[in-house]
PDB file of N, CA and C in Angstrom:
ATOM      1  N   PRO A   1     -24.985  20.501 -14.619  1.00  0.00           N
ATOM      2  CA  PRO A   1     -23.871  21.208 -13.161  1.00  0.00           C
ATOM      3  C   PRO A   1     -22.927  19.955 -12.727  1.00  0.00           C
ATOM      4  N   PHE A   2     -21.792  20.101 -12.562  1.00  0.00           N
ATOM      5  CA  PHE A   2     -20.744  19.590 -11.909  1.00  0.00           C
ATOM      6  C   PHE A   2     -20.263  19.725 -10.690  1.00  0.00           C
ATOM      7  N   GLY A   3     -20.605  19.054  -9.449  1.00  0.00           N
ATOM      8  CA  GLY A   3     -20.249  19.492  -8.420  1.00  0.00           C
ATOM      9  C   GLY A   3     -21.034  18.382  -7.438  1.00  0.00           C
ATOM     10  N   VAL A   4     -20.928  18.617  -6.068  1.00  0.00           N
ATOM     11  CA  VAL A   4     -21.765  17.628  -5.231  1.00  0.00           C
ATOM     12  C   VAL A   4     -22.954  17.450  -5.471  1.00  0.00           C
ATOM     13  N   GLY A   5     -23.581  16.434  -5.305  1.00  0.00           N
ATOM     14  CA  GLY A   5     -25.080  16.326  -5.951  1.00  0.00           C
ATOM     15  C   GLY A   5     -25.177  16.048  -6.846  1.00  0.00           C
ATOM     16  N   THR A   6     -24.309  16.265  -8.542  1.00  0.00           N
ATOM     17  CA  THR A   6     -24.218  15.931  -9.418  1.00  0.00           C
ATOM     18  C   THR A   6     -24.670  14.474  -9.757  1.00  0.00           C
ATOM     19  N   THR A   7     -25.486  13.912 -10.564  1.00  0.00           N
ATOM     20  CA  THR A   7     -25.792  12.680 -10.629  1.00  0.00           C
ATOM     21  C   THR A   7     -25.664  12.108 -12.217  1.00  0.00           C
ATOM     22  N   ARG A   8     -25.370  11.177 -12.198  1.00  0.00           N
ATOM     23  CA  ARG A   8     -24.942   9.938 -14.000  1.00  0.00           C
ATOM     24  C   ARG A   8     -25.894   8.842 -13.987  1.00  0.00           C
ATOM     25  N   GLU A   9     -25.854   8.622 -14.795  1.00  0.00           N
ATOM     26  CA  GLU A   9     -26.322   7.209 -15.000  1.00  0.00           C
ATOM     27  C   GLU A   9     -25.236   6.471 -15.848  1.00  0.00           C
ATOM     28  N   VAL A  10     -25.216   5.252 -15.717  1.00  0.00           N
ATOM     29  CA  VAL A  10     -23.813   4.437 -15.982  1.00  0.00           C
ATOM     30  C   VAL A  10     -24.341   3.056 -16.616  1.00  0.00           C
ATOM     31  N   VAL A  11     -23.887   2.687 -17.953  1.00  0.00           N
ATOM     32  CA  VAL A  11     -24.220   1.791 -18.726  1.00  0.00           C
ATOM     33  C   VAL A  11     -22.725   1.433 -18.951  1.00  0.00           C
ATOM     34  N   LEU A  12     -22.365  -0.106 -18.941  1.00  0.00           N
ATOM     35  CA  LEU A  12     -20.808  -0.526 -19.285  1.00  0.00           C
ATOM     36  C   LEU A  12     -21.048  -0.764 -20.388  1.00  0.00           C
ATOM     37  N   ALA A  13     -22.352  -1.523 -21.043  1.00  0.00           N
ATOM     38  CA  ALA A  13     -22.446  -2.357 -22.486  1.00  0.00           C
ATOM     39  C   ALA A  13     -24.099  -2.380 -22.722  1.00  0.00           C
ATOM     40  N   ALA A  14     -24.366  -2.394 -23.760  1.00  0.00           N
ATOM     41  CA  ALA A  14     -25.766  -2.622 -24.025  1.00  0.00           C
ATOM     42  C   ALA A  14     -25.899  -3.757 -23.768  1.00  0.00           C
ATOM     43  N   GLY A  15     -27.210  -3.787 -23.143  1.00  0.00           N
ATOM     44  CA  GLY A  15     -27.981  -5.201 -22.373  1.00  0.00           C
ATOM     45  C   GLY A  15     -27.668  -5.292 -21.254  1.00  0.00           C
ATOM     46  N   THR A  16     -26.306  -4.538 -20.514  1.00  0.00           N
ATOM     47  CA  THR A  16     -25.839  -4.616 -19.120  1.00  0.00           C
ATOM     48  C   THR A  16     -26.805  -4.057 -18.104  1.00  0.00           C
ATOM     49  N   PRO A  17     -26.431  -4.677 -16.748  1.00  0.00           N
ATOM     50  CA  PRO A  17     -27.303  -3.735 -15.657  1.00  0.00           C
ATOM     51  C   PRO A  17     -26.439  -2.013 -16.003  1.00  0.00           C
ATOM     52  N   ARG A  18     -27.564  -1.233 -15.326  1.00  0.00           N
ATOM     53  CA  ARG A  18     -26.965   0.429 -15.237  1.00  0.00           C
ATOM     54  C   ARG A  18     -27.335   0.552 -13.826  1.00  0.00           C
ATOM     55  N   VAL A  19     -26.675   1.570 -13.415  1.00  0.00           N
ATOM     56  CA  VAL A  19     -26.427   2.481 -11.905  1.00  0.00           C
ATOM     57  C   VAL A  19     -26.721   4.172 -12.000  1.00  0.00           C
ATOM     58  N   ARG A  20     -27.288   4.284 -11.365  1.00  0.00           N
ATOM     59  CA  ARG A  20     -27.401   5.895 -11.043  1.00  0.00           C
ATOM     60  C   ARG A  20     -26.363   6.221 -10.085  1.00  0.00           C
ATOM     61  N   GLU A  21     -25.390   7.310 -10.200  1.00  0.00           N
ATOM     62  CA  GLU A  21     -24.891   7.652  -9.121  1.00  0.00           C
ATOM     63  C   GLU A  21     -24.939   8.962  -8.732  1.00  0.00           C
ATOM     64  N   ARG A  22     -24.697   9.242  -7.450  1.00  0.00           N
ATOM     65  CA  ARG A  22     -24.769  10.867  -7.112  1.00  0.00           C
ATOM     66  C   ARG A  22     -23.198  10.842  -6.451  1.00  0.00           C
ATOM     67  N   PHE A  23     -22.705  11.943  -7.025  1.00  0.00           N
ATOM     68  CA  PHE A  23     -21.169  12.810  -6.425  1.00  0.00           C
ATOM     69  C   PHE A  23     -21.735  13.163  -4.891  1.00  0.00           C
ATOM     70  N   ILE A  24     -20.652  13.196  -4.521  1.00  0.00           N
ATOM     71  CA  ILE A  24     -20.801  13.119  -2.615  1.00  0.00           C
ATOM     72  C   ILE A  24     -19.437  13.838  -2.195  1.00  0.00           C
ATOM     73  N   ARG A  25     -18.147  13.961  -3.323  1.00  0.00           N
ATOM     74  CA  ARG A  25     -17.582  14.679  -3.068  1.00  0.00           C
ATOM     75  C   ARG A  25     -17.072  15.143  -4.384  1.00  0.00           C
ATOM     76  N   TRP A  26     -16.644  16.552  -4.657  1.00  0.00           N
ATOM     77  CA  TRP A  26     -16.178  16.814  -6.374  1.00  0.00           C
ATOM     78  C   TRP A  26     -15.222  17.856  -5.516  1.00  0.00           C
ATOM     79  N   ASP A  27     -14.200  17.316  -5.963  1.00  0.00           N
ATOM     80  CA  ASP A  27     -12.608  18.328  -5.434  1.00  0.00           C
ATOM     81  C   ASP A  27     -12.122  18.619  -7.074  1.00  0.00           C
ATOM     82  N   GLU A  28     -12.411  19.329  -7.653  1.00  0.00           N
ATOM     83  CA  GLU A  28     -12.192  20.165  -9.150  1.00  0.00           C
ATOM     84  C   GLU A  28     -10.705  19.501  -9.413  1.00  0.00           C
ATOM     85  N   GLY A  29     -10.053  18.696 -10.094  1.00  0.00           N
ATOM     86  CA  GLY A  29      -8.720  18.543 -10.169  1.00  0.00           C
ATOM     87  C   GLY A  29      -8.051  17.732  -9.326  1.00  0.00           C
ATOM     88  N   HIS A  30      -8.558  17.200  -8.303  1.00  0.00           N
ATOM     89  CA  HIS A  30      -8.125  16.646  -7.495  1.00  0.00           C
ATOM     90  C   HIS A  30      -8.592  15.253  -6.952  1.00  0.00           C
ATOM     91  N   GLY A  31     -10.046  15.387  -7.327  1.00  0.00           N
ATOM     92  CA  GLY A  31     -10.287  13.521  -6.418  1.00  0.00           C
ATOM     93  C   GLY A  31     -12.319  13.890  -6.734  1.00  0.00           C
ATOM     94  N   TYR A  32     -12.805  13.056  -6.703  1.00  0.00           N
ATOM     95  CA  TYR A  32     -14.308  13.031  -6.814  1.00  0.00           C
ATOM     96  C   TYR A  32     -14.689  11.908  -6.083  1.00  0.00           C
ATOM     97  N   SER A  33     -15.936  11.756  -5.388  1.00  0.00           N
ATOM     98  CA  SER A  33     -16.416  10.433  -4.849  1.00  0.00           C
ATOM     99  C   SER A  33     -17.718  10.400  -5.272  1.00  0.00           C
ATOM    100  N   PHE A  34     -17.994   9.099  -5.109  1.00  0.00           N
ATOM    101  CA  PHE A  34     -19.736   8.806  -5.608  1.00  0.00           C
ATOM    102  C   PHE A  34     -20.045   7.726  -5.208  1.00  0.00           C
ATOM    103  N   ALA A  35     -21.640   7.499  -4.969  1.00  0.00           N
ATOM    104  CA  ALA A  35     -22.191   6.662  -4.304  1.00  0.00           C
ATOM    105  C   ALA A  35     -23.628   6.258  -5.035  1.00  0.00           C
ATOM    106  N   VAL A  36     -23.574   4.939  -5.722  1.00  0.00           N
ATOM    107  CA  VAL A  36     -24.564   4.271  -6.352  1.00  0.00           C
ATOM    108  C   VAL A  36     -25.876   4.558  -5.597  1.00  0.00           C
ATOM    109  N   TYR A  37     -26.596   5.247  -5.783  1.00  0.00           N
ATOM    110  CA  TYR A  37     -28.398   4.981  -5.132  1.00  0.00           C
ATOM    111  C   TYR A  37     -29.497   4.584  -5.886  1.00  0.00           C
ATOM    112  N   GLU A  38     -29.153   4.155  -7.179  1.00  0.00           N
ATOM    113  CA  GLU A  38     -30.288   3.419  -7.643  1.00  0.00           C
ATOM    114  C   GLU A  38     -29.574   1.818  -8.802  1.00  0.00           C
ATOM    115  N   ALA A  39     -29.799   0.783  -8.756  1.00  0.00           N
ATOM    116  CA  ALA A  39     -29.281   0.289  -9.845  1.00  0.00           C
ATOM    117  C   ALA A  39     -30.428  -0.966 -10.504  1.00  0.00           C
ATOM    118  N   SER A  40     -30.122  -0.943 -11.682  1.00  0.00           N
ATOM    119  CA  SER A  40     -31.192  -1.925 -12.225  1.00  0.00           C
ATOM    120  C   SER A  40     -31.293  -3.141 -12.292  1.00  0.00           C
ATOM    121  N   VAL A  41     -30.391  -4.023 -10.917  1.00  0.00           N
ATOM    122  CA  VAL A  41     -30.215  -4.782 -10.626  1.00  0.00           C
ATOM    123  C   VAL A  41     -29.996  -4.940  -8.691  1.00  0.00           C
ATOM    124  N   PRO A  42     -30.944  -5.398  -8.478  1.00  0.00           N
ATOM    125  CA  PRO A  42     -30.979  -4.997  -6.952  1.00  0.00           C
ATOM    126  C   PRO A  42     -29.935  -5.879  -6.171  1.00  0.00           C
ATOM    127  N   VAL A  43     -28.440  -5.737  -6.139  1.00  0.00           N
ATOM    128  CA  VAL A  43     -27.478  -6.411  -5.704  1.00  0.00           C
ATOM    129  C   VAL A  43     -26.504  -5.441  -4.722  1.00  0.00           C
ATOM    130  N   PHE A  44     -26.535  -4.459  -4.521  1.00  0.00           N
ATOM    131  CA  PHE A  44     -26.172  -3.706  -3.598  1.00  0.00           C
ATOM    132  C   PHE A  44     -26.795  -2.859  -2.992  1.00  0.00           C
ATOM    133  N   ARG A  45     -25.945  -2.934  -1.560  1.00  0.00           N
ATOM    134  CA  ARG A  45     -26.500  -2.315  -0.199  1.00  0.00           C
ATOM    135  C   ARG A  45     -26.195  -0.818  -0.128  1.00  0.00           C
ATOM    136  N   HIS A  46     -24.832  -1.177  -0.774  1.00  0.00           N
ATOM    137  CA  HIS A  46     -23.591   0.285  -0.910  1.00  0.00           C
ATOM    138  C   HIS A  46     -22.782   0.194  -1.936  1.00  0.00           C
ATOM    139  N   PHE A  47     -22.702   0.889  -2.358  1.00  0.00           N
ATOM    140  CA  PHE A  47     -21.566   0.898  -3.844  1.00  0.00           C
ATOM    141  C   PHE A  47     -20.990   2.332  -3.729  1.00  0.00           C
ATOM    142  N   VAL A  48     -19.655   2.200  -3.447  1.00  0.00           N
ATOM    143  CA  VAL A  48     -19.157   3.788  -2.993  1.00  0.00           C
ATOM    144  C   VAL A  48     -17.525   4.204  -4.261  1.00  0.00           C
ATOM    145  N   GLU A  49     -17.261   4.841  -4.856  1.00  0.00           N
ATOM    146  CA  GLU A  49     -16.092   4.935  -5.128  1.00  0.00           C
ATOM    147  C   GLU A  49     -15.459   5.884  -5.156  1.00  0.00           C
ATOM    148  N   ASP A  50     -13.803   6.458  -4.880  1.00  0.00           N
ATOM    149  CA  ASP A  50     -13.396   7.887  -4.673  1.00  0.00           C
ATOM    150  C   ASP A  50     -12.029   7.468  -5.318  1.00  0.00           C
ATOM    151  N   TYR A  51     -11.895   8.495  -5.757  1.00  0.00           N
ATOM    152  CA  TYR A  51     -10.704   8.681  -6.807  1.00  0.00           C
ATOM    153  C   TYR A  51     -10.112   9.907  -6.118  1.00  0.00           C
ATOM    154  N   VAL A  52      -8.653   9.771  -5.877  1.00  0.00           N
ATOM    155  CA  VAL A  52      -7.635  11.200  -5.746  1.00  0.00           C
ATOM    156  C   VAL A  52      -6.655  11.235  -6.646  1.00  0.00           C
ATOM    157  N   VAL A  53      -6.418  11.861  -7.147  1.00  0.00           N
ATOM    158  CA  VAL A  53      -5.490  12.268  -8.116  1.00  0.00           C
ATOM    159  C   VAL A  53      -4.066  13.490  -7.676  1.00  0.00           C
ATOM    160  N   GLU A  54      -3.174  13.274  -7.444  1.00  0.00           N
ATOM    161  CA  GLU A  54      -1.917  14.362  -7.040  1.00  0.00           C
ATOM    162  C   GLU A  54      -0.930  14.041  -7.415  1.00  0.00           C
ATOM    163  N   PRO A  55      -0.089  15.405  -7.279  1.00  0.00           N
ATOM    164  CA  PRO A  55       1.458  15.193  -8.035  1.00  0.00           C
ATOM    165  C   PRO A  55       2.217  14.536  -7.575  1.00  0.00           C
ATOM    166  N   ASP A  56       3.054  13.464  -8.206  1.00  0.00           N
ATOM    167  CA  ASP A  56       4.275  12.283  -7.899  1.00  0.00           C
ATOM    168  C   ASP A  56       5.563  12.884  -8.168  1.00  0.00           C
ATOM    169  N   ALA A  57       6.374  12.608  -7.850  1.00  0.00           N
ATOM    170  CA  ALA A  57       7.872  12.981  -8.540  1.00  0.00           C
ATOM    171  C   ALA A  57       7.892  12.182  -9.581  1.00  0.00           C
ATOM    172  N   ASP A  58       7.103  11.750 -10.318  1.00  0.00           N
ATOM    173  CA  ASP A  58       7.731  11.184 -11.766  1.00  0.00           C
ATOM    174  C   ASP A  58       6.190  11.571 -12.587  1.00  0.00           C
ATOM    175  N   GLY A  59       5.027  12.253 -12.360  1.00  0.00           N
ATOM    176  CA  GLY A  59       4.094  12.503 -12.959  1.00  0.00           C
ATOM    177  C   GLY A  59       2.742  12.673 -12.071  1.00  0.00           C
ATOM    178  N   THR A  60       1.908  11.483 -11.898  1.00  0.00           N
ATOM    179  CA  THR A  60       0.402  12.098 -11.262  1.00  0.00           C
ATOM    180  C   THR A  60       0.348  10.032 -10.286  1.00  0.00           C
ATOM    181  N   LEU A  61      -0.129  10.659  -9.039  1.00  0.00           N
ATOM    182  CA  LEU A  61       0.041   9.402  -8.592  1.00  0.00           C
ATOM    183  C   LEU A  61      -2.138   9.451  -8.525  1.00  0.00           C
ATOM    184  N   PHE A  62      -2.475   8.299  -9.217  1.00  0.00           N
ATOM    185  CA  PHE A  62      -4.064   8.200  -9.123  1.00  0.00           C
ATOM    186  C   PHE A  62      -4.266   6.928  -8.070  1.00  0.00           C
ATOM    187  N   THR A  63      -5.427   7.399  -6.832  1.00  0.00           N
ATOM    188  CA  THR A  63      -5.746   6.548  -5.745  1.00  0.00           C
ATOM    189  C   THR A  63      -7.190   5.963  -6.175  1.00  0.00           C
ATOM    190  N   TRP A  64      -7.274   4.950  -6.315  1.00  0.00           N
ATOM    191  CA  TRP A  64      -8.987   4.254  -6.617  1.00  0.00           C
ATOM    192  C   TRP A  64      -9.155   3.599  -5.791  1.00  0.00           C
ATOM    193  N   LYS A  65     -10.170   3.867  -4.780  1.00  0.00           N
ATOM    194  CA  LYS A  65     -10.567   3.234  -3.409  1.00  0.00           C
ATOM    195  C   LYS A  65     -12.276   2.594  -4.136  1.00  0.00           C
ATOM    196  N   ILE A  66     -12.597   1.661  -3.724  1.00  0.00           N
ATOM    197  CA  ILE A  66     -13.852   1.145  -3.862  1.00  0.00           C
ATOM    198  C   ILE A  66     -14.431   0.099  -2.826  1.00  0.00           C
ATOM    199  N   ALA A  67     -15.708   0.836  -2.562  1.00  0.00           N
ATOM    200  CA  ALA A  67     -16.001  -0.364  -1.240  1.00  0.00           C
ATOM    201  C   ALA A  67     -17.809  -0.525  -1.665  1.00  0.00           C
ATOM    202  N   ILE A  68     -18.301  -1.962  -1.727  1.00  0.00           N
ATOM    203  CA  ILE A  68     -19.247  -2.584  -1.897  1.00  0.00           C
ATOM    204  C   ILE A  68     -19.609  -3.451  -0.822  1.00  0.00           C
ATOM    205  N   GLU A  69     -20.939  -3.316  -0.524  1.00  0.00           N
ATOM    206  CA  GLU A  69     -21.682  -4.112   0.663  1.00  0.00           C
ATOM    207  C   GLU A  69     -22.827  -4.989   0.011  1.00  0.00           C
ATOM    208  N   PRO A  70     -22.958  -5.760  -0.889  1.00  0.00           N
ATOM    209  CA  PRO A  70     -23.898  -6.676  -1.351  1.00  0.00           C
ATOM    210  C   PRO A  70     -25.242  -6.680  -0.387  1.00  0.00           C
ATOM    211  N   LYS A  71     -26.273  -6.906  -0.980  1.00  0.00           N
ATOM    212  CA  LYS A  71     -27.533  -6.949  -0.092  1.00  0.00           C
ATOM    213  C   LYS A  71     -27.312  -8.530   0.272  1.00  0.00           C
ATOM    214  N   GLY A  72     -28.214  -8.429   1.483  1.00  0.00           N
ATOM    215  CA  GLY A  72     -27.685 -10.340   1.959  1.00  0.00           C
ATOM    216  C   GLY A  72     -27.892 -11.469   0.958  1.00  0.00           C
ATOM    217  N   ALA A  73     -28.857 -11.812   0.178  1.00  0.00           N
ATOM    218  CA  ALA A  73     -28.612 -12.860  -0.833  1.00  0.00           C
ATOM    219  C   ALA A  73     -27.264 -12.692  -1.235  1.00  0.00           C
ATOM    220  N   PHE A  74     -26.854 -12.152  -2.044  1.00  0.00           N
ATOM    221  CA  PHE A  74     -25.578 -11.708  -2.574  1.00  0.00           C
ATOM    222  C   PHE A  74     -24.235 -11.819  -1.582  1.00  0.00           C
ATOM    223  N   ALA A  75     -24.449 -11.877  -0.451  1.00  0.00           N
ATOM    224  CA  ALA A  75     -23.149 -11.674   0.524  1.00  0.00           C
ATOM    225  C   ALA A  75     -22.342 -12.635   0.263  1.00  0.00           C
ATOM    226  N   LEU A  76     -22.792 -13.909   0.265  1.00  0.00           N
ATOM    227  CA  LEU A  76     -22.187 -15.136   0.110  1.00  0.00           C
ATOM    228  C   LEU A  76     -21.549 -15.106  -1.428  1.00  0.00           C
ATOM    229  N   PRO A  77     -22.095 -14.875  -2.629  1.00  0.00           N
ATOM    230  CA  PRO A  77     -21.634 -15.221  -3.875  1.00  0.00           C
ATOM    231  C   PRO A  77     -20.135 -13.668  -3.849  1.00  0.00           C
ATOM    232  N   PHE A  78     -20.787 -12.862  -3.179  1.00  0.00           N
ATOM    233  CA  PHE A  78     -19.546 -12.095  -3.319  1.00  0.00           C
ATOM    234  C   PHE A  78     -18.327 -12.040  -2.774  1.00  0.00           C
ATOM    235  N   LYS A  79     -18.220 -12.844  -1.241  1.00  0.00           N
ATOM    236  CA  LYS A  79     -17.404 -13.293  -0.911  1.00  0.00           C
ATOM    237  C   LYS A  79     -16.615 -14.420  -1.797  1.00  0.00           C
ATOM    238  N   LEU A  80     -16.769 -15.354  -2.022  1.00  0.00           N
ATOM    239  CA  LEU A  80     -16.541 -15.901  -3.024  1.00  0.00           C
ATOM    240  C   LEU A  80     -16.026 -15.766  -3.805  1.00  0.00           C
ATOM    241  N   LEU A  81     -16.782 -14.944  -4.920  1.00  0.00           N
ATOM    242  CA  LEU A  81     -16.473 -14.332  -6.022  1.00  0.00           C
ATOM    243  C   LEU A  81     -15.271 -13.089  -5.832  1.00  0.00           C
ATOM    244  N   SER A  82     -14.721 -12.565  -4.505  1.00  0.00           N
ATOM    245  CA  SER A  82     -13.770 -11.360  -4.289  1.00  0.00           C
ATOM    246  C   SER A  82     -12.444 -11.164  -4.847  1.00  0.00           C
ATOM    247  N   PRO A  83     -12.157 -12.986  -4.739  1.00  0.00           N
ATOM    248  CA  PRO A  83     -10.529 -12.825  -5.259  1.00  0.00           C
ATOM    249  C   PRO A  83     -10.552 -12.200  -7.155  1.00  0.00           C
ATOM    250  N   VAL A  84     -11.740 -12.888  -7.583  1.00  0.00           N
ATOM    251  CA  VAL A  84     -12.294 -12.570  -9.281  1.00  0.00           C
ATOM    252  C   VAL A  84     -12.324 -11.067  -9.461  1.00  0.00           C
ATOM    253  N   LEU A  85     -12.948 -10.384  -8.628  1.00  0.00           N
ATOM    254  CA  LEU A  85     -13.409  -9.184  -8.465  1.00  0.00           C
ATOM    255  C   LEU A  85     -12.085  -8.313  -8.397  1.00  0.00           C
ATOM    256  N   LYS A  86     -11.462  -8.691  -7.164  1.00  0.00           N
ATOM    257  CA  LYS A  86     -10.306  -7.592  -7.188  1.00  0.00           C
ATOM    258  C   LYS A  86      -9.069  -7.994  -8.159  1.00  0.00           C
ATOM    259  N   VAL A  87      -8.791  -9.044  -8.983  1.00  0.00           N
ATOM    260  CA  VAL A  87      -8.389  -9.313 -10.166  1.00  0.00           C
ATOM    261  C   VAL A  87      -8.751  -8.208 -11.556  1.00  0.00           C
ATOM    262  N   ASN A  88     -10.193  -8.219 -11.601  1.00  0.00           N
ATOM    263  CA  ASN A  88     -10.704  -7.520 -12.162  1.00  0.00           C
ATOM    264  C   ASN A  88     -10.776  -6.403 -12.065  1.00  0.00           C
ATOM    265  N   PHE A  89     -11.199  -5.672 -11.114  1.00  0.00           N
ATOM    266  CA  PHE A  89     -10.910  -4.591 -10.781  1.00  0.00           C
ATOM    267  C   PHE A  89      -9.392  -3.747 -11.011  1.00  0.00           C
ATOM    268  N   GLY A  90      -8.553  -4.737 -10.498  1.00  0.00           N
ATOM    269  CA  GLY A  90      -6.909  -4.101 -10.948  1.00  0.00           C
ATOM    270  C   GLY A  90      -6.566  -4.135 -11.889  1.00  0.00           C
ATOM    271  N   ARG A  91      -7.331  -5.448 -13.048  1.00  0.00           N
ATOM    272  CA  ARG A  91      -7.082  -4.921 -14.554  1.00  0.00           C
ATOM    273  C   ARG A  91      -7.337  -4.123 -15.009  1.00  0.00           C
ATOM    274  N   MET A  92      -8.684  -3.468 -14.433  1.00  0.00           N
ATOM    275  CA  MET A  92      -9.043  -2.233 -14.978  1.00  0.00           C
ATOM    276  C   MET A  92      -8.154  -0.777 -14.504  1.00  0.00           C
ATOM    277  N   ALA A  93      -7.814  -0.943 -13.363  1.00  0.00           N
ATOM    278  CA  ALA A  93      -6.754   0.151 -13.319  1.00  0.00           C
ATOM    279  C   ALA A  93      -5.427  -0.112 -13.982  1.00  0.00           C
ATOM    280  N   SER A  94      -4.793  -1.521 -13.981  1.00  0.00           N
ATOM    281  CA  SER A  94      -3.378  -1.187 -14.854  1.00  0.00           C
ATOM    282  C   SER A  94      -3.675  -0.618 -16.601  1.00  0.00           C
ATOM    283  N   ASP A  95      -5.166  -1.219 -16.884  1.00  0.00           N
ATOM    284  CA  ASP A  95      -5.617  -0.809 -18.055  1.00  0.00           C
ATOM    285  C   ASP A  95      -5.200   0.773 -18.329  1.00  0.00           C
ATOM    286  N   GLY A  96      -5.810   1.348 -17.469  1.00  0.00           N
ATOM    287  CA  GLY A  96      -5.917   2.859 -16.962  1.00  0.00           C
ATOM    288  C   GLY A  96      -4.350   3.458 -17.006  1.00  0.00           C
ATOM    289  N   GLN A  97      -3.477   2.854 -16.211  1.00  0.00           N
ATOM    290  CA  GLN A  97      -2.500   3.172 -16.388  1.00  0.00           C
ATOM    291  C   GLN A  97      -1.648   3.140 -17.670  1.00  0.00           C
ATOM    292  N   ARG A  98      -1.890   2.036 -18.118  1.00  0.00           N
ATOM    293  CA  ARG A  98      -1.308   2.683 -19.913  1.00  0.00           C
ATOM    294  C   ARG A  98      -2.279   2.926 -20.492  1.00  0.00           C
ATOM    295  N   TYR A  99      -3.160   3.012 -20.302  1.00  0.00           N
ATOM    296  CA  TYR A  99      -3.855   4.478 -21.583  1.00  0.00           C
ATOM    297  C   TYR A  99      -3.452   5.704 -21.370  1.00  0.00           C
ATOM    298  N   PHE A 100      -3.196   6.091 -20.313  1.00  0.00           N
ATOM    299  CA  PHE A 100      -2.800   7.437 -19.690  1.00  0.00           C
ATOM    300  C   PHE A 100      -1.183   7.652 -19.962  1.00  0.00           C
ATOM    301  N   ALA A 101      -0.192   6.478 -19.844  1.00  0.00           N
ATOM    302  CA  ALA A 101       1.004   6.758 -20.033  1.00  0.00           C
ATOM    303  C   ALA A 101       0.948   6.753 -21.968  1.00  0.00           C
ATOM    304  N   LYS A 102       0.244   6.354 -22.638  1.00  0.00           N
ATOM    305  CA  LYS A 102       0.350   6.436 -23.873  1.00  0.00           C
ATOM    306  C   LYS A 102      -0.259   7.981 -24.417  1.00  0.00           C
ATOM    307  N   GLN A 103      -0.798   9.014 -23.514  1.00  0.00           N
ATOM    308  CA  GLN A 103      -1.294   9.977 -23.523  1.00  0.00           C
ATOM    309  C   GLN A 103      -0.297  11.236 -23.720  1.00  0.00           C
ATOM    310  N   VAL A 104       0.960  10.888 -23.235  1.00  0.00           N
ATOM    311  CA  VAL A 104       2.168  11.855 -23.137  1.00  0.00           C
ATOM    312  C   VAL A 104       2.633  11.809 -23.916  1.00  0.00           C
TER     313      VAL A 104
END
């Protein structure tokens, strides 16, 4: 099934932590939102992502938002590492932009 309530398990690479996510918004062809409800490493109190895809004068505008609230003991490390996390998430977005630009 594909829609609100659909779940998936995400593992980025073998041996890395996995998360289970539940879609909380499913707007076919326009956007999706999901929340992590379980993780193999208990780091997050909340982790939510939102994607919006909309027409733009030159093609398509993709907006990606992430909200992360770490559990207590991880709050300080996340705060200290936030500049690195922002760069890495930003790099993922620009890598995606380059990938999709090649598909046209």
